[in-house]
Each structure stands twice: as C-alpha cells, then as structure tokens.
Amino acid sequence: MARRKRNAYYTCTVLIFSIYLFLKMQIFQQSSTSDTSEAIDYFVIQDSHKSADRVNHTQHQFRSDCRRLLEGDREEILYAKSRVKMTKPKFISDHAFGELTSNCDTFKRTRGYVLNSLEEEEQFPIAFSILLYKDVHQTERLLRAIYRPQNTYCIHVDAKSSETVHIAIRNIAKCFDNVFIASKLERVIYAGFSRLKAEINCMHDSYKRPEQWKYYINLPSQEFPLKTNYEMVQILKLYNGANDIEGITGRRLSGIAYRFRYHWDIQEKNGKRIYNNTRILKSKPPNNITIIRGSAYGIFSRQFVRFILINPSAKALLEWSRDTYSPDEYYWATLNFLKYNPHLNTPGGYDGVPDSKPWLAVWAAWKGVDKCYGKWQRGICVFGVGDLQFMVERKELFVNKFLYDYEPLALECAEEWLRYKQMAVLPIDLSYYRNLTFLRKEKNL
C-alpha cells in the first residue's frame, strides 16, 4: 500500500512537472534575450511563493523531453544520448564571468538566483562550502541552485588553480554579501591533508560570520541538490542538532587501515605532487581515539563545527592526521561516532552502530555495487540522462556527481526538476526522516 501511494505521488508530481515544462516552452517561444557574445537565453517565471519575479536561466540545448527522461523512457534516453554525440555543449567561459558580473543586479536576475525566501527558511539559515579547482561554470550553477540570501557560502579555490579561475570566482562573490572566498587557500593535493585543511579553513571563516546558521554542508563543485532549500530546512529541523556523517567499521575499515597506520610524505612524480607510503609506522591516535572511516562530505551541526575548532582532542587528531592518506575520509567520522569514542562527548554525535546508520548527505553510485547509466570515473558514476529516473525518489539531500560537459542534458534536467519544485507548492513527505535512528529527540536547536 505504501509503495502504491509513493508511486502515485511521484506520477502526479511528474505529470505536474510536464504541464510546467509545456507552459514554459510556450513562454520561451515568444521571448528570449541574451547577455554576452556567448549567448545564453533566459525566460522569466513568476514566483509562486512571493510576488517578485524569478528567472529560469537555462534553455535546453538539446530538444529532448525532461519529463520522459525523468520517467525513464528508453526511447527518449537513447535519443538524448544520440543528440549529445552530435552537439557541442555550451558553457560560460571563466573570462565571460567578468562581463556578466559587471552589473551585479543584472547578473543575479538573468542567472536566476532566488533572492527571497519563506519566513521558515529565513529563520533556519544554512552554511555551505564549495571546494573547486576548475570548472567555474559548473560551480556557479551549483551556487545558483542552493543560493538563498539568509545562508552563508564559503568558496575555497585551490591555491594552484589558474588565475582566470580565481578572478572568475572573485567576480561572482563580489555580487553577494553572503558569498565569500576562504581567507586562507590551500594547495590541494589529491588524498592529502590539504583537502581537509581547506574545509577547516572554510569552517573557521563561516563560524566567524554574523549569520547564525544552524548546519554546515560541504560540497565539491560536481554535486547537485536533490532537495530545495525549503525541503532541506524541513529535514534539518528534524535532525535537531544531530550530525549526518557516514560511518564504516569492521572489514571495510581494516582494508584501508594502511592509510592512517603509516607515515605518508609528498613526492614529485611526472610533474605532480603525490602522497607516498613510507612504510614507517605512525604513533597511535591521540587521547585513546579509535579511527572510524567515513566520507569527506557530511551534514554538520553548528555545535559540531565549534567543537572541531576549539576542542583540544579534535585539534590533536587534526594535527596527528597531517601525514596520513585521505584524512578527510575519517576525521569527521572518528569524532562523530560515540560508540567507539564516548569520551569525546561530541555535540550531535551518534552512539549507535556506525555501519547501520543511514547517511543522507549525498547519494553516489559506486562501481561494483550500483548501476550506472552514465560512465565510471575513479569508481564513481558520472551520471547521465539514463540515471535521472532514479534521482526523484532518493532521500539524500545531494547527488554526486555530474560533469557539465558529459551528457549535459542530465544536469539541465536535474536543474529543471529542482526549479520546478521551487516554483510549485508540493507537499513534503517527512515520514521517512521522522523515523531516522540518529535524530536527537530533546529540544536542541
């Protein structure tokens, strides 16, 4: 019965989405505009929450039907894939952002930023961080998708990124009071401590901001939201101060224990700096801490971020992690799971079994475990048009990952789906989230 109701809900939702797309295309056929020589078409849609106009920024570059792709129509998927092979994707170059942001009001309007929020959203601000090395175009699309004026956005640009990337991000950030570049930029090395330090830098800057945000969510530029800001607020209010961090123990942890049991150093290889296992054993973690594996990404309460910044044990673990491999994949988890480290008394921590805890920060498809209708990259699925049908039912807040130049219609349709949910007043089914085992029941936030 529950499954029948759920299927009916999504069928109804997709039907409404189809009507929305049809009406939008009628509007688009009557009017379009352009900003620069790199020509982006726009069309205006009336905001259903408040009277101000919102702008939908993206014209589909390929004439495939998002509705049918979301429904998993095989013929439409094959057609979309064939069109991708024949069409070069359009994107905004790093240089073009200088011209686009020369007038910030025009930039925000034509690029489709949501500049007003519901009162409930305003009372529950969220802090986000975005780490990037390149692809400003995709980073800006992510920022636009999650932007609300009451939130806070820290952008960490790799210190070794090109000057054009740094300039483009500075041009974007200057247009917003609540978007800023991290005060200290790291030269990020793959799987290195610098990746974790970049996140800590953003946490430090975000915590000093005047906005009293409730949760901190860290993102790479290849992620994209599955939930609107309003939906996130509804879900995070239920979290009530609990952190949402992945936890892995047992065999899945022992298989990668070499990453933190040995001292790693940095070596030059083929012109790149990489981490090398010296085979020299490290000292044990400080303060009798047990290492737990997790993910580099999570949903962190404000109190947890404060704990990371000021707690002596958290600081000691961070320092101990400097010469380990990929410490961002165990640092958060180790601090969060109190079943193994009860003496830490971590705010928002979880005292249950880590492996059985649901993790809803991000959905990714892994090679050997999940199906992928896009392509595999380093064991993770780069989603294509064939994967869209599975996204609408996911419970996670974000999805990883998209690449703007691989089957770009997939990201465009994900944008359409999110924009539709922002514009339409849809009921939010919170029953799944209310029953999560890691929720904090006492009053906290």
Protein backbone atom coordinates (compact mmCIF):
# COMPACT_ATOMS: atom_id res chain seq x y z
CA MET A 1 0.00 0.00 0.00
CA ALA A 2 2.79 2.42 0.96
CA ARG A 3 4.63 1.69 -2.28
CA ARG A 4 1.41 2.24 -4.30
CA LYS A 5 0.90 5.62 -2.61
CA ARG A 6 4.50 6.58 -3.20
CA ASN A 7 4.30 5.66 -6.89
CA ALA A 8 1.08 7.63 -7.24
CA TYR A 9 2.74 10.63 -5.58
CA TYR A 10 5.66 10.62 -8.00
CA THR A 11 3.40 10.00 -11.00
CA CYS A 12 1.33 13.03 -10.02
CA THR A 13 4.46 15.09 -9.44
CA VAL A 14 5.93 14.23 -12.84
CA LEU A 15 2.57 15.00 -14.50
CA ILE A 16 2.52 18.48 -12.94
CA PHE A 17 6.14 18.92 -14.00
CA SER A 18 5.16 18.06 -17.58
CA ILE A 19 2.49 20.76 -17.60
CA TYR A 20 5.01 23.21 -16.17
CA LEU A 21 7.53 22.43 -18.93
CA PHE A 22 4.87 22.78 -21.63
CA LEU A 23 3.80 26.20 -20.37
CA LYS A 24 7.41 27.30 -20.01
CA MET A 25 8.21 26.34 -23.59
CA GLN A 26 5.23 28.42 -24.77
CA ILE A 27 6.70 31.40 -22.93
CA PHE A 28 10.14 30.73 -24.36
CA GLN A 29 8.88 30.58 -27.95
CA GLN A 30 7.51 34.11 -27.55
CA SER A 31 10.52 35.79 -25.98
CA SER A 32 14.24 35.37 -25.36
CA THR A 33 17.18 37.58 -24.51
CA SER A 34 20.98 37.38 -24.45
CA ASP A 35 23.72 38.83 -22.25
CA THR A 36 27.08 38.40 -23.96
CA SER A 37 28.58 37.10 -27.18
CA GLU A 38 28.48 33.67 -25.58
CA ALA A 39 24.68 33.89 -25.85
CA ILE A 40 22.61 32.41 -23.04
CA ASP A 41 18.84 32.51 -23.40
CA TYR A 42 16.59 33.29 -20.47
CA PHE A 43 12.91 33.26 -19.67
CA VAL A 44 11.06 34.75 -16.71
CA ILE A 45 8.76 32.75 -14.47
CA GLN A 46 6.52 34.17 -11.78
CA ASP A 47 7.48 33.16 -8.24
CA SER A 48 4.72 31.14 -6.57
CA HIS A 49 5.95 31.91 -3.03
CA LYS A 50 6.33 35.71 -3.24
CA SER A 51 5.43 38.38 -5.75
CA ALA A 52 8.95 39.00 -7.06
CA ASP A 53 9.89 37.50 -10.42
CA ARG A 54 12.37 34.65 -10.54
CA VAL A 55 14.31 33.81 -13.63
CA ASN A 56 14.95 30.38 -15.06
CA HIS A 57 18.39 30.68 -16.57
CA THR A 58 18.78 27.57 -18.70
CA GLN A 59 17.41 26.94 -22.16
CA HIS A 60 17.76 23.29 -23.09
CA GLN A 61 20.48 22.97 -25.66
CA PHE A 62 19.03 19.69 -26.90
CA ARG A 63 15.34 19.20 -27.76
CA SER A 64 14.82 16.12 -25.61
CA ASP A 65 11.95 15.88 -23.16
CA CYS A 66 12.94 16.14 -19.49
CA ARG A 67 9.65 14.64 -18.40
CA ARG A 68 10.24 11.45 -20.38
CA LEU A 69 13.81 11.24 -19.16
CA LEU A 70 12.60 11.53 -15.57
CA GLU A 71 10.10 8.76 -16.29
CA GLY A 72 12.89 6.56 -17.68
CA ASP A 73 11.53 6.46 -21.23
CA ARG A 74 14.06 4.25 -23.04
CA GLU A 75 13.48 5.78 -26.47
CA GLU A 76 13.92 9.29 -25.11
CA ILE A 77 17.11 8.26 -23.29
CA LEU A 78 18.59 6.78 -26.47
CA TYR A 79 17.57 9.85 -28.45
CA ALA A 80 19.14 12.16 -25.88
CA LYS A 81 22.38 10.18 -25.93
CA SER A 82 22.50 10.33 -29.73
CA ARG A 83 21.97 14.09 -29.69
CA VAL A 84 24.79 14.56 -27.18
CA LYS A 85 27.24 12.91 -29.57
CA MET A 86 26.33 15.38 -32.31
CA THR A 87 26.12 18.59 -30.28
CA LYS A 88 28.90 20.50 -28.58
CA PRO A 89 27.82 21.62 -25.08
CA LYS A 90 27.66 25.35 -24.38
CA PHE A 91 29.11 26.84 -21.25
CA ILE A 92 30.23 30.17 -19.86
CA SER A 93 33.99 30.65 -20.00
CA ASP A 94 35.89 31.91 -16.97
CA HIS A 95 36.62 35.18 -18.76
CA ALA A 96 32.93 35.78 -19.53
CA PHE A 97 32.04 35.96 -15.84
CA GLY A 98 33.89 39.28 -15.68
CA GLU A 99 31.44 40.79 -18.16
CA LEU A 100 28.41 39.01 -16.73
CA THR A 101 29.13 40.35 -13.23
CA SER A 102 29.88 43.91 -14.32
CA ASN A 103 26.33 44.69 -13.21
CA CYS A 104 25.54 42.51 -10.20
CA ASP A 105 21.80 43.14 -10.22
CA THR A 106 21.57 42.08 -13.84
CA PHE A 107 23.78 39.07 -13.19
CA LYS A 108 21.63 37.82 -10.33
CA ARG A 109 18.42 38.42 -12.25
CA THR A 110 19.45 36.88 -15.56
CA ARG A 111 21.24 33.94 -13.99
CA GLY A 112 18.17 33.04 -11.98
CA TYR A 113 19.24 33.50 -8.36
CA VAL A 114 16.44 33.20 -5.80
CA LEU A 115 16.63 36.44 -3.86
CA ASN A 116 13.80 35.96 -1.38
CA SER A 117 12.80 33.15 0.94
CA LEU A 118 9.93 31.92 3.02
CA GLU A 119 9.92 33.03 6.64
CA GLU A 120 10.62 29.48 7.79
CA GLU A 121 13.74 29.40 5.62
CA GLU A 122 14.88 32.79 6.89
CA GLN A 123 14.73 31.53 10.47
CA PHE A 124 16.86 28.47 9.66
CA PRO A 125 19.97 29.61 7.74
CA ILE A 126 22.43 27.03 6.44
CA ALA A 127 26.17 27.38 5.78
CA PHE A 128 27.62 25.78 2.65
CA SER A 129 31.16 25.33 1.45
CA ILE A 130 32.20 24.60 -2.12
CA LEU A 131 35.70 23.41 -2.96
CA LEU A 132 36.91 23.69 -6.54
CA TYR A 133 39.98 23.56 -8.74
CA LYS A 134 38.47 24.39 -12.13
CA ASP A 135 35.12 24.50 -13.97
CA VAL A 136 33.80 27.81 -12.68
CA HIS A 137 30.75 27.38 -14.91
CA GLN A 138 29.60 24.28 -13.03
CA THR A 139 30.47 25.80 -9.66
CA GLU A 140 28.30 28.81 -10.42
CA ARG A 141 25.41 26.53 -11.41
CA LEU A 142 25.70 24.74 -8.07
CA LEU A 143 25.86 28.04 -6.18
CA ARG A 144 22.80 29.29 -8.02
CA ALA A 145 20.88 26.11 -7.21
CA ILE A 146 21.49 26.37 -3.45
CA TYR A 147 21.58 30.14 -3.07
CA ARG A 148 19.31 31.92 -0.59
CA PRO A 149 20.01 35.36 0.91
CA GLN A 150 19.91 34.16 4.54
CA ASN A 151 22.50 31.40 4.01
CA THR A 152 26.30 31.58 4.03
CA TYR A 153 28.59 30.34 1.24
CA CYS A 154 32.33 29.81 1.57
CA ILE A 155 34.18 29.03 -1.64
CA HIS A 156 37.66 27.54 -1.44
CA VAL A 157 39.59 27.88 -4.68
CA ASP A 158 42.64 25.65 -4.92
CA ALA A 159 45.69 27.88 -4.50
CA LYS A 160 47.23 26.30 -7.59
CA SER A 161 44.18 26.97 -9.78
CA SER A 162 44.70 29.25 -12.77
CA GLU A 163 44.45 33.00 -12.32
CA THR A 164 41.37 33.06 -14.57
CA VAL A 165 39.58 30.72 -12.15
CA HIS A 166 40.48 32.91 -9.16
CA ILE A 167 39.35 36.07 -10.95
CA ALA A 168 36.08 34.50 -12.09
CA ILE A 169 35.19 33.35 -8.57
CA ARG A 170 36.09 36.75 -7.13
CA ASN A 171 33.83 38.40 -9.69
CA ILE A 172 30.93 36.14 -8.70
CA ALA A 173 31.49 36.53 -4.95
CA LYS A 174 31.58 40.34 -5.14
CA CYS A 175 27.91 40.32 -6.18
CA PHE A 176 26.72 38.77 -2.91
CA ASP A 177 27.10 39.83 0.71
CA ASN A 178 26.88 36.22 1.90
CA VAL A 179 29.23 34.58 -0.62
CA PHE A 180 32.93 34.80 0.19
CA ILE A 181 36.24 33.20 -0.66
CA ALA A 182 38.10 31.39 2.12
CA SER A 183 40.59 33.68 3.83
CA LYS A 184 43.33 31.07 3.52
CA LEU A 185 43.68 28.99 0.36
CA GLU A 186 45.47 25.63 0.33
CA ARG A 187 47.41 23.96 -2.47
CA VAL A 188 45.24 20.87 -2.51
CA ILE A 189 46.89 17.53 -3.22
CA TYR A 190 44.70 14.55 -4.03
CA ALA A 191 44.09 12.47 -0.87
CA GLY A 192 46.25 14.86 1.11
CA PHE A 193 45.87 16.74 4.38
CA SER A 194 45.47 19.98 2.44
CA ARG A 195 41.99 18.87 1.35
CA LEU A 196 40.88 18.54 4.97
CA LYS A 197 42.63 21.78 5.93
CA ALA A 198 40.77 23.64 3.17
CA GLU A 199 37.50 22.53 4.74
CA ILE A 200 38.62 23.55 8.22
CA ASN A 201 39.53 26.97 6.83
CA CYS A 202 36.02 27.41 5.47
CA MET A 203 34.51 26.24 8.74
CA HIS A 204 36.60 28.77 10.64
CA ASP A 205 35.56 31.63 8.35
CA SER A 206 31.90 30.60 8.34
CA TYR A 207 31.73 30.36 12.11
CA LYS A 208 33.00 33.94 12.44
CA ARG A 209 30.27 35.24 10.14
CA PRO A 210 27.33 37.17 11.62
CA GLU A 211 24.78 34.73 10.20
CA GLN A 212 23.71 32.31 12.92
CA TRP A 213 23.46 29.32 10.63
CA LYS A 214 22.21 26.03 12.06
CA TYR A 215 24.01 23.48 9.86
CA TYR A 216 27.12 23.33 7.70
CA ILE A 217 27.13 21.28 4.48
CA ASN A 218 30.34 20.79 2.48
CA LEU A 219 30.22 20.19 -1.27
CA PRO A 220 32.50 19.60 -4.23
CA SER A 221 31.54 21.52 -7.36
CA GLN A 222 30.35 18.33 -9.10
CA GLU A 223 27.48 17.77 -6.66
CA PHE A 224 23.94 18.99 -7.20
CA PRO A 225 20.98 19.27 -4.80
CA LEU A 226 18.12 16.80 -4.89
CA LYS A 227 16.16 18.88 -2.39
CA THR A 228 15.16 22.53 -2.43
CA ASN A 229 16.34 24.82 0.34
CA TYR A 230 12.87 24.68 1.87
CA GLU A 231 12.94 20.87 1.86
CA MET A 232 16.41 20.91 3.44
CA VAL A 233 15.16 23.20 6.19
CA GLN A 234 12.25 20.86 6.93
CA ILE A 235 14.58 17.87 7.12
CA LEU A 236 17.35 19.54 9.13
CA LYS A 237 14.88 20.86 11.67
CA LEU A 238 14.03 17.22 12.37
CA TYR A 239 17.74 16.47 12.80
CA ASN A 240 17.60 18.84 15.78
CA GLY A 241 21.36 19.20 16.17
CA ALA A 242 22.34 15.66 15.14
CA ASN A 243 25.18 15.32 12.65
CA ASP A 244 24.71 13.25 9.50
CA ILE A 245 28.08 11.61 8.90
CA GLU A 246 28.90 8.29 7.26
CA GLY A 247 30.47 5.59 9.46
CA ILE A 248 32.34 2.44 8.39
CA THR A 249 33.96 -0.15 10.66
CA GLY A 250 34.95 -3.83 10.51
CA ARG A 251 36.35 -5.31 7.31
CA ARG A 252 35.58 -2.25 5.23
CA LEU A 253 37.78 -0.24 7.59
CA SER A 254 40.57 -2.79 8.02
CA GLY A 255 41.08 -2.89 4.26
CA ILE A 256 42.23 0.73 4.23
CA ALA A 257 43.88 0.88 7.67
CA TYR A 258 47.29 1.34 6.00
CA ARG A 259 46.16 4.87 5.16
CA PHE A 260 46.49 6.01 8.75
CA ARG A 261 48.82 3.42 10.30
CA TYR A 262 51.82 4.55 8.27
CA HIS A 263 53.56 7.86 7.77
CA TRP A 264 52.95 9.35 4.31
CA ASP A 265 55.06 12.01 2.64
CA ILE A 266 54.80 14.08 -0.53
CA GLN A 267 56.84 13.18 -3.60
CA GLU A 268 57.13 14.58 -7.11
CA LYS A 269 56.12 12.21 -9.90
CA ASN A 270 55.70 13.20 -13.54
CA GLY A 271 55.47 16.83 -12.53
CA LYS A 272 52.77 16.19 -9.93
CA ARG A 273 52.91 16.11 -6.15
CA ILE A 274 51.52 12.83 -4.82
CA TYR A 275 51.34 11.06 -1.47
CA ASN A 276 53.76 8.21 -0.86
CA ASN A 277 53.59 5.48 1.79
CA THR A 278 56.94 5.43 3.61
CA ARG A 279 56.07 2.14 5.37
CA ILE A 280 57.11 3.80 8.62
CA LEU A 281 54.55 3.10 11.34
CA LYS A 282 52.85 6.08 12.94
CA SER A 283 52.17 6.57 16.59
CA LYS A 284 48.69 5.66 17.78
CA PRO A 285 45.97 8.32 17.56
CA PRO A 286 45.98 10.81 20.46
CA ASN A 287 43.77 10.59 23.54
CA ASN A 288 42.94 6.92 23.04
CA ILE A 289 40.86 7.73 19.94
CA THR A 290 39.62 4.89 17.72
CA ILE A 291 39.64 5.66 14.00
CA ILE A 292 36.37 5.29 12.09
CA ARG A 293 36.13 5.53 8.32
CA GLY A 294 33.57 7.73 6.61
CA SER A 295 33.22 10.27 3.84
CA ALA A 296 34.80 13.63 3.16
CA TYR A 297 31.29 15.08 2.98
CA GLY A 298 28.58 15.38 5.57
CA ILE A 299 26.00 17.50 7.33
CA PHE A 300 27.45 19.10 10.45
CA SER A 301 25.63 20.95 13.22
CA ARG A 302 26.87 24.37 14.27
CA GLN A 303 27.88 22.92 17.65
CA PHE A 304 29.91 20.21 15.91
CA VAL A 305 31.78 22.82 13.86
CA ARG A 306 32.53 24.78 17.02
CA PHE A 307 33.78 21.56 18.66
CA ILE A 308 36.17 20.97 15.76
CA LEU A 309 37.55 24.49 16.01
CA ILE A 310 38.12 24.68 19.78
CA ASN A 311 38.19 21.19 21.31
CA PRO A 312 41.72 20.01 22.29
CA SER A 313 41.05 16.39 21.26
CA ALA A 314 39.70 17.46 17.87
CA LYS A 315 42.73 19.68 17.34
CA ALA A 316 45.11 16.91 18.41
CA LEU A 317 43.51 14.45 15.99
CA LEU A 318 43.74 17.01 13.20
CA GLU A 319 47.46 17.51 13.85
CA TRP A 320 48.02 13.73 14.04
CA SER A 321 46.32 13.39 10.63
CA ARG A 322 48.81 15.59 8.78
CA ASP A 323 50.91 12.71 7.47
CA THR A 324 48.10 10.25 6.74
CA TYR A 325 46.38 9.40 3.48
CA SER A 326 42.99 10.98 2.78
CA PRO A 327 42.30 12.11 6.37
CA ASP A 328 39.09 13.84 5.29
CA GLU A 329 37.59 10.35 4.93
CA TYR A 330 37.96 9.50 8.61
CA TYR A 331 38.36 12.75 10.56
CA TRP A 332 34.65 13.67 10.75
CA ALA A 333 33.53 10.08 11.33
CA THR A 334 36.06 9.45 14.09
CA LEU A 335 34.85 12.47 16.02
CA ASN A 336 31.17 11.75 15.45
CA PHE A 337 30.71 8.11 16.48
CA LEU A 338 30.48 7.94 20.26
CA LYS A 339 30.07 4.17 20.43
CA TYR A 340 33.82 3.94 19.81
CA ASN A 341 34.88 7.32 21.24
CA PRO A 342 32.40 8.11 24.04
CA HIS A 343 34.96 10.15 25.96
CA LEU A 344 34.86 12.85 23.26
CA ASN A 345 31.26 13.86 24.08
CA THR A 346 30.95 15.24 20.57
CA PRO A 347 27.94 17.55 20.04
CA GLY A 348 25.44 15.90 17.72
CA GLY A 349 27.40 12.63 17.83
CA TYR A 350 25.87 9.19 17.31
CA ASP A 351 26.18 6.43 19.91
CA GLY A 352 24.76 3.62 17.76
CA VAL A 353 26.49 1.25 15.33
CA PRO A 354 28.11 3.39 12.60
CA ASP A 355 27.55 0.92 9.76
CA SER A 356 23.80 0.72 10.38
CA LYS A 357 23.24 4.47 10.50
CA PRO A 358 21.55 5.95 7.40
CA TRP A 359 23.65 8.59 5.66
CA LEU A 360 21.69 11.19 3.72
CA ALA A 361 24.22 13.89 2.92
CA VAL A 362 24.84 12.71 -0.62
CA TRP A 363 23.91 9.88 -2.97
CA ALA A 364 26.60 8.39 -5.19
CA ALA A 365 26.67 5.22 -7.29
CA TRP A 366 29.75 3.05 -6.73
CA LYS A 367 31.26 0.62 -9.20
CA GLY A 368 30.64 -2.99 -8.26
CA VAL A 369 27.70 -2.01 -6.05
CA ASP A 370 25.34 0.23 -8.01
CA LYS A 371 24.17 0.59 -11.58
CA CYS A 372 25.39 3.47 -13.70
CA TYR A 373 23.85 4.62 -16.97
CA GLY A 374 26.45 7.33 -17.45
CA LYS A 375 30.14 6.48 -17.13
CA TRP A 376 32.54 5.39 -14.40
CA GLN A 377 35.28 7.70 -13.16
CA ARG A 378 37.57 6.57 -10.33
CA GLY A 379 34.97 4.02 -9.29
CA ILE A 380 32.10 6.51 -9.03
CA CYS A 381 29.31 7.10 -11.53
CA VAL A 382 29.24 10.29 -13.55
CA PHE A 383 25.50 10.49 -14.03
CA GLY A 384 23.93 10.70 -17.46
CA VAL A 385 20.41 11.06 -18.81
CA GLY A 386 19.63 7.42 -18.04
CA ASP A 387 20.16 7.97 -14.32
CA LEU A 388 17.63 10.79 -13.87
CA GLN A 389 14.70 8.43 -13.30
CA PHE A 390 16.29 7.16 -10.08
CA MET A 391 17.00 10.57 -8.58
CA VAL A 392 13.46 11.78 -7.98
CA GLU A 393 12.83 9.15 -5.31
CA ARG A 394 16.13 9.46 -3.46
CA LYS A 395 16.05 10.58 0.18
CA GLU A 396 19.51 12.15 0.16
CA LEU A 397 19.96 15.92 0.01
CA PHE A 398 22.58 15.94 -2.76
CA VAL A 399 23.81 13.75 -5.60
CA ASN A 400 27.40 13.18 -6.71
CA LYS A 401 28.33 13.56 -9.45
CA PHE A 402 27.63 15.45 -12.67
CA LEU A 403 30.09 16.81 -15.21
CA TYR A 404 28.70 19.71 -17.22
CA ASP A 405 30.36 18.51 -20.45
CA TYR A 406 29.25 14.87 -20.15
CA GLU A 407 25.66 14.36 -21.31
CA PRO A 408 24.89 17.94 -20.23
CA LEU A 409 21.16 17.42 -20.61
CA ALA A 410 21.32 15.30 -17.43
CA LEU A 411 22.40 18.29 -15.35
CA GLU A 412 19.98 20.57 -17.18
CA CYS A 413 17.05 18.30 -16.42
CA ALA A 414 18.16 18.00 -12.79
CA GLU A 415 18.09 21.81 -12.71
CA GLU A 416 14.62 21.81 -14.25
CA TRP A 417 13.38 19.32 -11.66
CA LEU A 418 14.77 21.38 -8.78
CA ARG A 419 13.45 24.63 -10.24
CA TYR A 420 10.02 23.10 -10.67
CA LYS A 421 9.95 22.02 -7.03
CA GLN A 422 10.97 25.54 -6.01
CA MET A 423 8.20 27.13 -8.07
CA ALA A 424 5.39 24.66 -7.35
CA VAL A 425 3.91 24.21 -3.91
CA LEU A 426 4.37 20.48 -3.39
CA PRO A 427 3.65 18.55 -0.21
CA ILE A 428 6.75 17.29 1.60
CA ASP A 429 6.58 13.75 2.93
CA LEU A 430 8.74 13.78 6.05
CA SER A 431 7.69 10.39 7.43
CA TYR A 432 10.96 8.72 6.43
CA TYR A 433 13.06 11.41 8.10
CA ARG A 434 10.99 11.43 11.30
CA ASN A 435 11.93 7.79 11.88
CA LEU A 436 15.69 8.13 11.43
CA THR A 437 17.59 6.46 14.25
CA PHE A 438 20.16 9.21 14.71
CA LEU A 439 17.74 12.07 15.36
CA ARG A 440 18.04 13.98 18.62
CA LYS A 441 14.69 13.91 20.39
CA GLU A 442 15.36 16.53 23.05
CA LYS A 443 14.99 20.21 22.26
CA ASN A 444 18.28 21.50 20.92
CA LEU A 445 18.08 23.98 18.05
